[in-house]
Amino acid sequence: MRERALASRLRLAVVRLNRKLRAQRTDENVSLTQLAALSTLHKCGPLTPGKLAAKEGVQPPSMTRVIAALEDFGFVERSPHPTDGRQSIVALTERGLAFVGETISVREAWLDRKLAELSGEEREVLARAAEIIDRMAGNE
């Protein structure tokens, strides 16, 4: 029963922290779904729309709309697939890369301010917890 209580507390804490971090945005016109797609392209590099949809856990038609909106913002561009003429490759533009970098900076600045409010001992506990959470998430 104790593990269940810990699981519940941890889940809620992670959800709340994630919600606070996601709220730290530089442009309210960019949806969280669009921002997630940008972040995936930043992390993984250029992808086909199908692979991007799979990584984001959405249907390809939904990702097509996301990509179109990101193209309108000038954040991504499509180029022909090198071996499959039926496909395209989606990549961040310089503007998209700058936008992702700015968003990361805003979120990390918010988190830095929150961490500065904690004691050294609390920050050490969080450093260890971050390692454990990463391991649990399979990101060793």
Protein backbone atom coordinates (compact mmCIF):
# COMPACT_ATOMS: atom_id res chain seq x y z
CA MET A 1 0.00 0.00 0.00
CA ARG A 2 2.89 2.33 0.72
CA GLU A 3 4.22 1.96 -2.84
CA ARG A 4 0.78 2.83 -4.18
CA ALA A 5 0.70 6.04 -2.14
CA LEU A 6 4.20 6.94 -3.36
CA ALA A 7 3.19 6.22 -6.94
CA SER A 8 0.18 8.50 -6.61
CA ARG A 9 2.19 11.34 -5.01
CA LEU A 10 4.96 11.03 -7.59
CA ARG A 11 2.51 10.97 -10.50
CA LEU A 12 0.72 14.08 -9.25
CA ALA A 13 3.98 15.93 -8.58
CA VAL A 14 5.33 15.14 -12.05
CA VAL A 15 2.05 16.15 -13.70
CA ARG A 16 1.94 19.44 -11.78
CA LEU A 17 5.58 20.26 -12.53
CA ASN A 18 5.08 19.41 -16.20
CA ARG A 19 1.99 21.63 -16.33
CA LYS A 20 3.93 24.54 -14.78
CA LEU A 21 6.86 24.06 -17.17
CA ARG A 22 4.57 23.85 -20.20
CA ALA A 23 2.94 27.11 -19.12
CA GLN A 24 6.30 28.87 -19.48
CA ARG A 25 5.91 29.82 -23.12
CA THR A 26 7.21 32.55 -25.35
CA ASP A 27 4.35 32.53 -27.87
CA GLU A 28 0.77 31.64 -27.02
CA ASN A 29 -0.03 31.30 -30.75
CA VAL A 30 2.00 28.09 -30.92
CA SER A 31 -0.04 25.21 -29.51
CA LEU A 32 1.43 22.68 -27.11
CA THR A 33 1.05 20.02 -29.82
CA GLN A 34 3.01 22.18 -32.25
CA LEU A 35 5.63 22.87 -29.61
CA ALA A 36 5.94 19.13 -28.91
CA ALA A 37 6.53 18.46 -32.63
CA LEU A 38 9.19 21.19 -32.72
CA SER A 39 10.87 19.69 -29.66
CA THR A 40 10.90 16.24 -31.26
CA LEU A 41 12.50 17.62 -34.42
CA HIS A 42 15.04 19.45 -32.24
CA LYS A 43 15.89 16.24 -30.39
CA CYS A 44 15.73 13.75 -33.27
CA GLY A 45 16.61 15.84 -36.30
CA PRO A 46 14.73 15.81 -39.62
CA LEU A 47 11.96 13.21 -39.92
CA THR A 48 9.27 12.14 -42.33
CA PRO A 49 5.79 13.32 -41.34
CA GLY A 50 4.86 9.70 -40.61
CA LYS A 51 7.80 9.17 -38.25
CA LEU A 52 7.10 12.49 -36.54
CA ALA A 53 3.45 11.48 -36.08
CA ALA A 54 4.51 8.13 -34.63
CA LYS A 55 6.94 9.74 -32.19
CA GLU A 56 4.24 12.17 -31.07
CA GLY A 57 1.58 9.46 -30.83
CA VAL A 58 -0.85 11.16 -33.23
CA GLN A 59 -2.45 10.11 -36.50
CA PRO A 60 -0.68 11.22 -39.71
CA PRO A 61 -3.55 13.53 -40.81
CA SER A 62 -3.27 15.39 -37.50
CA MET A 63 0.48 15.74 -37.93
CA THR A 64 -0.04 17.04 -41.46
CA ARG A 65 -2.07 19.93 -40.00
CA VAL A 66 0.57 20.55 -37.31
CA ILE A 67 3.34 20.64 -39.91
CA ALA A 68 1.33 23.01 -42.13
CA ALA A 69 0.87 25.43 -39.22
CA LEU A 70 4.56 25.22 -38.32
CA GLU A 71 5.42 25.95 -41.96
CA ASP A 72 3.15 29.01 -41.83
CA PHE A 73 5.11 30.22 -38.77
CA GLY A 74 8.35 29.62 -40.68
CA PHE A 75 9.53 27.12 -38.06
CA VAL A 76 9.84 24.05 -40.32
CA GLU A 77 10.43 23.31 -43.96
CA ARG A 78 9.79 20.26 -46.08
CA SER A 79 12.25 18.85 -48.58
CA PRO A 80 12.02 15.84 -50.88
CA HIS A 81 12.90 12.47 -49.38
CA PRO A 82 16.25 11.34 -50.84
CA THR A 83 15.08 7.83 -51.75
CA ASP A 84 11.26 7.86 -51.71
CA GLY A 85 9.61 10.38 -54.01
CA ARG A 86 6.26 9.87 -52.25
CA GLN A 87 7.61 11.22 -48.97
CA SER A 88 9.09 14.42 -47.66
CA ILE A 89 11.46 15.26 -44.85
CA VAL A 90 10.48 17.85 -42.24
CA ALA A 91 13.27 19.86 -40.62
CA LEU A 92 13.57 22.86 -38.35
CA THR A 93 14.45 26.15 -39.99
CA GLU A 94 16.83 28.60 -38.35
CA ARG A 95 13.77 30.45 -37.06
CA GLY A 96 12.34 27.20 -35.64
CA LEU A 97 15.64 26.33 -34.00
CA ALA A 98 15.79 29.79 -32.42
CA PHE A 99 12.19 29.47 -31.21
CA VAL A 100 12.86 26.09 -29.57
CA GLY A 101 16.03 27.46 -27.96
CA GLU A 102 14.15 30.47 -26.60
CA THR A 103 11.38 28.26 -25.23
CA ILE A 104 13.91 26.01 -23.51
CA SER A 105 15.65 29.07 -22.03
CA VAL A 106 12.38 30.48 -20.66
CA ARG A 107 11.45 27.15 -19.07
CA GLU A 108 14.89 26.58 -17.59
CA ALA A 109 15.00 30.15 -16.23
CA TRP A 110 11.68 29.53 -14.46
CA LEU A 111 13.00 26.25 -13.06
CA ASP A 112 16.29 27.92 -12.01
CA ARG A 113 14.29 30.52 -10.05
CA LYS A 114 12.29 27.78 -8.31
CA LEU A 115 15.43 25.77 -7.51
CA ALA A 116 17.10 28.88 -6.06
CA GLU A 117 14.30 29.04 -3.48
CA LEU A 118 15.32 25.61 -2.14
CA SER A 119 18.03 24.70 0.33
CA GLY A 120 21.23 23.04 -0.84
CA GLU A 121 20.08 19.78 0.72
CA GLU A 122 16.75 19.93 -1.15
CA ARG A 123 18.57 20.56 -4.45
CA GLU A 124 20.81 17.54 -3.76
CA VAL A 125 17.73 15.38 -3.14
CA LEU A 126 16.20 16.61 -6.41
CA ALA A 127 19.42 15.91 -8.31
CA ARG A 128 19.32 12.32 -7.12
CA ALA A 129 15.57 12.09 -7.79
CA ALA A 130 16.12 13.35 -11.36
CA GLU A 131 18.60 10.52 -11.96
CA ILE A 132 16.13 7.98 -10.62
CA ILE A 133 13.20 9.37 -12.61
CA ASP A 134 15.33 9.33 -15.77
CA ARG A 135 16.20 5.70 -15.11
CA MET A 136 12.54 4.84 -14.50
CA ALA A 137 11.62 6.54 -17.78
CA GLY A 138 14.24 4.51 -19.61
CA ASN A 139 16.55 7.44 -20.36
CA GLU A 140 19.66 6.20 -18.59
